Amino acid sequence: MALLSGRFGLPLLAAGQAQKELTHNEALALIDAALCPAAESAAIATPPISPAIGACWIVADAPTGAWSGQAGCLACWTTGGWRFLPAAEGMRVWLKDQSLWAVREATEWVMGEERASRILVDDQPVVGARGAAVALPAGGATIDAEARTAIAAIIDRLAAHGLIEA
């Protein structure tokens, strides 16, 4: 029975093992796939016919061929054929075809969403938790329709970006 690491199933060396270089090289191939991973796509379930060495994909649902049974895994083409890295919660992969991040959450890949409690630019918070709704202007002694229209448009845009409740 092969010894495997707990998180990514990397092969481990056993005491007295013959041909340790094979196990070591297999682990290096998987580590190479896991370090700063970038995938061509997450939308295909059939292995490409002529992949480049080092090219990777997130295997889509209902995979076929050499990818059968590897849905959700990171599939990387190496000189020794396909290597599969299981998706671990929190794993981030850059999707080249969409120019965005995919993050593994529980049992699925979430594409293009970022979670944060706040965003800082030059140490200044620019986006934080969503604020309460802002009431539209109404009443008053002097009615300025243009100002009210502008204020309503600003409130609408803030709500559309999720910065305040609608």
Protein backbone atom coordinates (compact mmCIF):
# COMPACT_ATOMS: atom_id res chain seq x y z
CA MET A 1 0.00 0.00 0.00
CA ALA A 2 1.40 3.39 -1.04
CA LEU A 3 2.03 6.02 1.60
CA LEU A 4 0.35 9.33 0.69
CA SER A 5 0.37 12.79 2.20
CA GLY A 6 -2.86 13.82 3.92
CA ARG A 7 -3.78 16.92 1.94
CA PHE A 8 -2.91 16.40 -1.73
CA GLY A 9 -2.17 12.67 -1.78
CA LEU A 10 1.50 13.18 -2.63
CA PRO A 11 3.50 9.95 -2.63
CA LEU A 12 5.77 9.52 0.39
CA LEU A 13 8.97 7.52 0.61
CA ALA A 14 8.92 4.30 2.61
CA ALA A 15 11.81 2.95 4.66
CA GLY A 16 13.88 0.53 2.60
CA GLN A 17 11.98 1.40 -0.59
CA ALA A 18 13.63 0.51 -3.88
CA GLN A 19 13.72 3.07 -6.69
CA LYS A 20 12.96 5.99 -4.37
CA GLU A 21 13.59 8.38 -7.26
CA LEU A 22 10.31 7.31 -8.90
CA THR A 23 8.27 8.22 -5.83
CA HIS A 24 10.24 11.42 -5.34
CA ASN A 25 9.81 12.49 -8.98
CA GLU A 26 6.06 11.76 -8.85
CA ALA A 27 5.74 13.97 -5.79
CA LEU A 28 7.71 16.74 -7.53
CA ALA A 29 5.42 16.56 -10.59
CA LEU A 30 2.37 17.04 -8.35
CA ILE A 31 4.02 19.84 -6.36
CA ASP A 32 4.87 21.55 -9.65
CA ALA A 33 1.16 21.50 -10.54
CA ALA A 34 0.11 22.82 -7.12
CA LEU A 35 2.50 25.79 -6.87
CA CYS A 36 0.84 28.95 -8.24
CA PRO A 37 -1.55 26.94 -10.41
CA ALA A 38 -2.96 28.37 -13.62
CA ALA A 39 -5.52 26.39 -15.62
CA GLU A 40 -6.36 26.75 -19.28
CA SER A 41 -10.07 26.36 -18.46
CA ALA A 42 -12.58 24.85 -16.05
CA ALA A 43 -15.19 24.21 -18.73
CA ILE A 44 -14.10 20.97 -20.39
CA ALA A 45 -14.63 17.37 -19.31
CA THR A 46 -12.67 15.63 -22.08
CA PRO A 47 -8.87 15.71 -22.13
CA PRO A 48 -7.37 17.78 -24.96
CA ILE A 49 -5.73 15.78 -27.73
CA SER A 50 -2.29 17.48 -27.80
CA PRO A 51 -1.71 19.39 -24.55
CA ALA A 52 1.55 21.22 -23.93
CA ILE A 53 3.80 19.94 -21.16
CA GLY A 54 2.81 21.76 -17.95
CA ALA A 55 -0.67 22.75 -19.19
CA CYS A 56 -3.43 22.25 -16.60
CA TRP A 57 -7.23 22.23 -16.49
CA ILE A 58 -9.84 22.07 -13.75
CA VAL A 59 -11.77 18.96 -14.77
CA ALA A 60 -15.45 19.77 -15.37
CA ASP A 61 -18.38 17.58 -14.27
CA ALA A 62 -18.95 14.18 -15.97
CA PRO A 63 -15.38 13.75 -17.23
CA THR A 64 -14.54 11.21 -19.92
CA GLY A 65 -11.49 9.36 -21.21
CA ALA A 66 -8.30 9.71 -19.19
CA TRP A 67 -10.10 12.21 -16.93
CA SER A 68 -12.86 9.78 -15.96
CA GLY A 69 -13.52 9.91 -12.22
CA GLN A 70 -11.46 13.11 -11.75
CA ALA A 71 -14.22 15.77 -11.71
CA GLY A 72 -13.10 18.90 -9.86
CA CYS A 73 -9.44 17.87 -9.79
CA LEU A 74 -6.61 19.86 -11.32
CA ALA A 75 -5.42 17.81 -14.34
CA CYS A 76 -1.89 18.60 -15.54
CA TRP A 77 -0.12 17.14 -18.55
CA THR A 78 3.47 16.07 -17.80
CA THR A 79 6.15 14.13 -19.67
CA GLY A 80 4.78 11.05 -17.91
CA GLY A 81 1.12 11.69 -18.86
CA TRP A 82 -1.77 13.10 -16.84
CA ARG A 83 -1.28 13.93 -13.18
CA PHE A 84 -4.31 14.75 -11.03
CA LEU A 85 -4.27 16.94 -7.97
CA PRO A 86 -7.34 16.74 -5.74
CA ALA A 87 -9.00 20.08 -5.04
CA ALA A 88 -8.56 21.16 -1.43
CA GLU A 89 -10.85 23.74 0.16
CA GLY A 90 -9.31 27.20 -0.22
CA MET A 91 -7.26 26.24 -3.28
CA ARG A 92 -7.00 29.10 -5.80
CA VAL A 93 -6.40 28.59 -9.50
CA TRP A 94 -6.02 31.29 -12.14
CA LEU A 95 -8.30 30.60 -15.12
CA LYS A 96 -6.49 31.74 -18.27
CA ASP A 97 -9.53 31.63 -20.54
CA GLN A 98 -11.58 33.90 -18.26
CA SER A 99 -8.77 35.98 -16.68
CA LEU A 100 -10.14 35.42 -13.18
CA TRP A 101 -9.63 33.30 -10.08
CA ALA A 102 -11.42 30.08 -9.24
CA VAL A 103 -11.53 29.19 -5.54
CA ARG A 104 -12.48 25.80 -4.13
CA GLU A 105 -15.25 26.21 -1.55
CA ALA A 106 -16.51 23.01 0.09
CA THR A 107 -17.32 20.72 -2.86
CA GLU A 108 -17.33 23.15 -5.79
CA TRP A 109 -15.24 25.68 -7.67
CA VAL A 110 -16.46 29.27 -7.39
CA MET A 111 -15.35 31.37 -10.35
CA GLY A 112 -14.74 35.11 -10.28
CA GLU A 113 -15.88 35.87 -6.74
CA GLU A 114 -13.68 37.38 -4.06
CA ARG A 115 -14.53 37.36 -0.38
CA ALA A 116 -13.18 40.09 1.89
CA SER A 117 -14.22 42.02 4.96
CA ARG A 118 -12.74 45.20 3.51
CA ILE A 119 -10.40 46.41 0.76
CA LEU A 120 -7.49 48.77 1.36
CA VAL A 121 -5.64 50.93 -1.17
CA ASP A 122 -2.48 52.57 0.19
CA ASP A 123 -3.63 51.53 3.68
CA GLN A 124 -6.89 53.46 3.25
CA PRO A 125 -10.15 51.48 3.34
CA VAL A 126 -12.02 51.94 0.05
CA VAL A 127 -14.69 49.28 0.42
CA GLY A 128 -16.05 47.85 3.65
CA ALA A 129 -19.18 46.14 4.82
CA ARG A 130 -22.40 47.16 3.08
CA GLY A 131 -24.03 50.21 4.63
CA ALA A 132 -27.70 50.80 5.30
CA ALA A 133 -30.07 52.13 2.68
CA VAL A 134 -30.08 55.88 2.06
CA ALA A 135 -33.46 57.54 1.75
CA LEU A 136 -34.23 59.31 -1.49
CA PRO A 137 -34.61 63.08 -1.15
CA ALA A 138 -38.18 64.27 -0.62
CA GLY A 139 -39.94 67.34 0.75
CA GLY A 140 -38.19 70.53 1.67
CA ALA A 141 -39.08 74.17 1.07
CA THR A 142 -37.29 74.40 -2.28
CA ILE A 143 -37.62 71.61 -4.81
CA ASP A 144 -34.65 71.13 -7.11
CA ALA A 145 -35.60 68.36 -9.54
CA GLU A 146 -32.11 68.16 -11.10
CA ALA A 147 -30.40 67.77 -7.70
CA ARG A 148 -32.92 65.12 -6.64
CA THR A 149 -32.38 63.25 -9.92
CA ALA A 150 -28.60 63.35 -9.44
CA ILE A 151 -28.80 62.21 -5.82
CA ALA A 152 -31.19 59.40 -6.76
CA ALA A 153 -28.77 58.29 -9.52
CA ILE A 154 -25.86 58.22 -7.03
CA ILE A 155 -27.90 56.19 -4.55
CA ASP A 156 -28.99 53.84 -7.35
CA ARG A 157 -25.36 53.31 -8.46
CA LEU A 158 -24.15 52.68 -4.88
CA ALA A 159 -26.92 50.10 -4.42
CA ALA A 160 -26.17 48.49 -7.79
CA HIS A 161 -22.54 47.98 -6.68
CA GLY A 162 -23.74 46.51 -3.40
CA LEU A 163 -22.26 49.26 -1.28
CA ILE A 164 -25.58 50.16 0.33
CA GLU A 165 -28.91 48.37 0.62
CA ALA A 166 -31.42 49.12 -2.09
